[in-house]
């Protein structure tokens, strides 16, 4: 189902808090005026990714208590060249896909170093090697999350069906009207045309 409005609002708030300020729990070092920042948030027992400066060049988040990264949380870090995320208890369900895809684009070596802690079937497996089937363990909770959208979807489907029926009926009705008009034209012109041709035939 579509993203929950509350989740979207939290994600939006997260983006708004991403500034040039160094996170309180991290050490930041300038790599030069135009080169960006080195942000060291390693070994801080972090359970969530902090709001990060957009000019982050090197990001160290290893050896923390991170289990997942919210979708969109790292999108503003366009100039990152080095990322370290190993030694975290990553929960490799379908929510980890965002991090997997982001690292595939940004830092393949970092992705290769990430191993899953949970759920049990994928424990100690490298995130890079996991397939869609192995990451699909949270599909069971999907109907619950999507329940609130069920009635809205049902109304939309019903509206679409009603619209289709009305359009089909309108087309059928318009064809009938056109046929009737053509039929009237034929029946009024037909005898006149026949009389005209009959007269011509008699003259010859």
Protein backbone atom coordinates (compact mmCIF):
# COMPACT_ATOMS: atom_id res chain seq x y z
CA UNK A 1 0.00 0.00 0.00
CA UNK A 2 0.98 3.67 -0.21
CA UNK A 3 3.22 5.18 2.51
CA UNK A 4 1.51 6.08 5.80
CA UNK A 5 0.86 9.87 6.10
CA UNK A 6 2.53 9.93 9.54
CA UNK A 7 5.60 8.16 8.18
CA UNK A 8 5.75 10.63 5.30
CA UNK A 9 5.53 13.57 7.73
CA UNK A 10 8.36 12.12 9.85
CA UNK A 11 10.47 11.61 6.72
CA UNK A 12 9.75 15.19 5.65
CA UNK A 13 10.70 16.48 9.11
CA UNK A 14 13.89 14.44 8.91
CA UNK A 15 14.77 16.15 5.61
CA UNK A 16 14.04 19.58 7.06
CA UNK A 17 16.44 18.97 9.95
CA UNK A 18 19.30 18.07 7.62
CA UNK A 19 21.46 21.18 7.70
CA UNK A 20 25.12 22.10 7.62
CA UNK A 21 25.31 21.55 11.40
CA UNK A 22 27.31 18.63 12.75
CA UNK A 23 25.15 16.10 14.66
CA UNK A 24 25.65 16.44 18.46
CA UNK A 25 26.59 12.77 18.79
CA UNK A 26 29.30 12.91 16.10
CA UNK A 27 32.69 14.43 15.41
CA UNK A 28 32.96 16.47 12.21
CA UNK A 29 36.12 17.52 10.44
CA UNK A 30 36.39 19.83 7.46
CA UNK A 31 38.18 18.36 4.45
CA UNK A 32 38.65 21.83 2.94
CA UNK A 33 36.29 24.62 1.95
CA UNK A 34 34.97 22.90 -1.16
CA UNK A 35 35.67 19.29 -0.21
CA UNK A 36 32.95 18.84 2.41
CA UNK A 37 32.97 17.15 5.81
CA UNK A 38 34.17 13.95 7.38
CA UNK A 39 31.44 12.87 9.83
CA UNK A 40 32.48 10.33 12.44
CA UNK A 41 29.48 8.87 14.28
CA UNK A 42 31.12 5.50 14.97
CA UNK A 43 30.90 3.65 18.30
CA UNK A 44 28.21 5.97 19.77
CA UNK A 45 25.52 3.33 20.49
CA UNK A 46 23.28 5.09 17.97
CA UNK A 47 19.93 3.39 17.29
CA UNK A 48 18.93 5.82 14.53
CA UNK A 49 20.79 7.66 11.79
CA UNK A 50 21.15 11.29 12.97
CA UNK A 51 20.30 14.31 10.81
CA UNK A 52 23.37 14.68 8.61
CA UNK A 53 24.90 17.72 6.88
CA UNK A 54 24.26 17.70 3.13
CA UNK A 55 27.96 18.34 2.40
CA UNK A 56 29.07 15.06 4.02
CA UNK A 57 31.94 13.51 2.08
CA UNK A 58 32.94 10.70 4.42
CA UNK A 59 30.37 9.10 6.71
CA UNK A 60 31.36 6.72 9.50
CA UNK A 61 28.44 5.00 11.25
CA UNK A 62 30.09 1.67 12.07
CA UNK A 63 29.89 -0.11 15.43
CA UNK A 64 26.53 1.28 16.53
CA UNK A 65 23.08 -0.20 17.25
CA UNK A 66 21.50 0.66 13.89
CA UNK A 67 18.93 -1.84 12.62
CA UNK A 68 17.51 0.03 9.62
CA UNK A 69 17.59 3.35 7.72
CA UNK A 70 14.29 5.15 6.93
CA UNK A 71 13.58 5.52 3.19
CA UNK A 72 14.87 8.87 1.93
CA UNK A 73 17.08 9.49 4.99
CA UNK A 74 20.29 9.56 2.92
CA UNK A 75 18.97 11.03 -0.35
CA UNK A 76 20.32 14.54 0.29
CA UNK A 77 23.92 13.28 0.71
CA UNK A 78 24.85 13.79 -2.92
CA UNK A 79 28.61 14.21 -2.47
CA UNK A 80 29.37 11.19 -0.25
CA UNK A 81 32.39 9.20 -1.42
CA UNK A 82 33.09 6.94 1.55
CA UNK A 83 30.62 5.21 3.89
CA UNK A 84 31.23 2.80 6.75
CA UNK A 85 28.21 0.97 8.17
CA UNK A 86 29.59 -2.39 9.31
CA UNK A 87 29.23 -3.81 12.86
CA UNK A 88 25.59 -2.80 13.26
CA UNK A 89 22.75 -5.25 14.11
CA UNK A 90 20.99 -4.77 10.76
CA UNK A 91 17.47 -6.15 10.48
CA UNK A 92 17.36 -7.47 6.92
CA UNK A 93 13.66 -7.51 6.15
CA UNK A 94 12.10 -5.68 3.18
CA UNK A 95 12.66 -2.28 4.88
CA UNK A 96 16.43 -2.66 4.41
CA UNK A 97 16.03 -2.46 0.61
CA UNK A 98 16.39 1.33 0.66
CA UNK A 99 19.84 1.08 2.27
CA UNK A 100 20.85 -1.75 -0.08
CA UNK A 101 19.92 0.22 -3.23
CA UNK A 102 21.49 3.43 -1.89
CA UNK A 103 24.79 1.68 -1.18
CA UNK A 104 24.75 -0.01 -4.59
CA UNK A 105 24.79 3.50 -6.09
CA UNK A 106 27.15 5.15 -3.59
CA UNK A 107 29.54 2.62 -2.06
CA UNK A 108 29.78 -1.02 -3.18
CA UNK A 109 32.68 -1.78 -0.78
CA UNK A 110 30.58 -0.63 2.19
CA UNK A 111 27.65 -2.79 1.08
CA UNK A 112 29.97 -5.80 0.90
CA UNK A 113 30.89 -5.30 4.58
CA UNK A 114 27.33 -5.26 5.93
CA UNK A 115 26.06 -8.46 7.50
CA UNK A 116 22.54 -9.12 8.77
CA UNK A 117 21.78 -9.76 12.45
CA UNK A 118 18.07 -10.53 12.07
CA UNK A 119 15.77 -12.23 11.13
CA UNK A 120 17.17 -15.68 11.99
CA UNK A 121 17.14 -17.21 8.44
CA UNK A 122 19.55 -14.54 7.14
CA UNK A 123 21.70 -14.06 10.27
CA UNK A 124 25.36 -13.32 9.40
CA UNK A 125 24.59 -13.27 5.67
CA UNK A 126 26.03 -10.35 3.66
CA UNK A 127 23.29 -7.89 2.71
CA UNK A 128 24.73 -7.71 -0.81
CA UNK A 129 23.94 -11.40 -1.44
CA UNK A 130 20.33 -11.35 -0.29
CA UNK A 131 17.61 -11.81 -2.89
CA UNK A 132 14.10 -10.37 -3.03
CA UNK A 133 12.62 -13.57 -1.58
CA UNK A 134 14.87 -13.46 1.47
CA UNK A 135 14.04 -9.77 2.04
CA UNK A 136 10.29 -10.32 1.76
CA UNK A 137 9.63 -11.32 5.38
CA UNK A 138 7.54 -8.23 6.19
CA UNK A 139 4.96 -8.86 3.47
CA UNK A 140 2.79 -10.50 6.14
CA UNK A 141 2.24 -7.17 7.87
CA UNK A 142 1.42 -5.40 4.61
CA UNK A 143 -2.38 -6.06 4.64
CA UNK A 144 -2.63 -4.52 8.14
CA UNK A 145 -0.82 -1.38 6.99
CA UNK A 146 -2.91 -1.19 3.85
CA UNK A 147 -6.25 -1.82 5.57
CA UNK A 148 -6.98 1.90 5.93
CA UNK A 149 -6.54 2.31 2.16
CA UNK A 150 -8.87 -0.62 1.38
CA UNK A 151 -12.15 1.35 1.41
CA UNK A 152 -10.61 4.23 -0.54
CA UNK A 153 -9.37 1.78 -3.20
CA UNK A 154 -12.74 0.05 -3.26
CA UNK A 155 -14.52 3.38 -3.85
CA UNK A 156 -12.08 4.25 -6.64
CA UNK A 157 -12.61 0.86 -8.32
CA UNK A 158 -16.38 1.20 -8.01
CA UNK A 159 -16.21 4.73 -9.47
CA UNK A 160 -14.09 3.43 -12.36
CA UNK A 161 -16.61 0.65 -13.09
CA UNK A 162 -19.56 3.08 -12.97
CA UNK A 163 -17.68 5.49 -15.29
CA UNK A 164 -16.93 2.65 -17.71
CA UNK A 165 -20.60 1.56 -17.76
CA UNK A 166 -21.77 5.16 -18.34
CA UNK A 167 -19.26 5.68 -21.18
CA UNK A 168 -20.24 2.36 -22.78
CA UNK A 169 -23.93 3.26 -22.46
CA UNK A 170 -23.31 6.76 -23.89
CA UNK A 171 -21.44 5.30 -26.87
CA UNK A 172 -24.17 2.76 -27.49
CA UNK A 173 -26.85 5.46 -27.19
CA UNK A 174 -24.98 7.84 -29.55
CA UNK A 175 -24.58 5.07 -32.15
CA UNK A 176 -28.31 4.33 -31.89
CA UNK A 177 -29.16 8.02 -32.39
CA UNK A 178 -26.79 8.27 -35.39
CA UNK A 179 -28.31 5.10 -36.87
CA UNK A 180 -31.84 6.47 -36.40
CA UNK A 181 -30.87 9.81 -38.04
CA UNK A 182 -29.27 7.98 -40.98
CA UNK A 183 -32.30 5.72 -41.26
CA UNK A 184 -34.65 8.75 -41.36
CA UNK A 185 -32.49 10.39 -44.04
CA UNK A 186 -32.61 7.19 -46.10
CA UNK A 187 -36.36 6.76 -45.70
CA UNK A 188 -37.09 10.40 -46.69
CA UNK A 189 -34.56 10.59 -49.52
CA UNK A 190 -35.02 7.02 -50.73
CA UNK A 191 -38.48 7.40 -52.37
CA UNK A 192 -37.50 10.76 -53.92
CA UNK A 193 -34.36 9.24 -55.42
CA UNK A 194 -36.35 6.24 -56.68
CA UNK A 195 -38.96 8.54 -58.30
CA UNK A 196 -36.23 10.61 -59.93
CA UNK A 197 -34.50 7.56 -61.40
CA UNK A 198 -37.83 6.11 -62.52
CA UNK A 199 -38.70 9.31 -64.42
CA UNK A 200 -35.30 9.31 -66.10
CA UNK A 201 -35.72 5.68 -67.07
CA UNK A 202 -39.16 6.38 -68.61
CA UNK A 203 -37.77 9.32 -70.62
CA UNK A 204 -35.14 7.03 -72.18
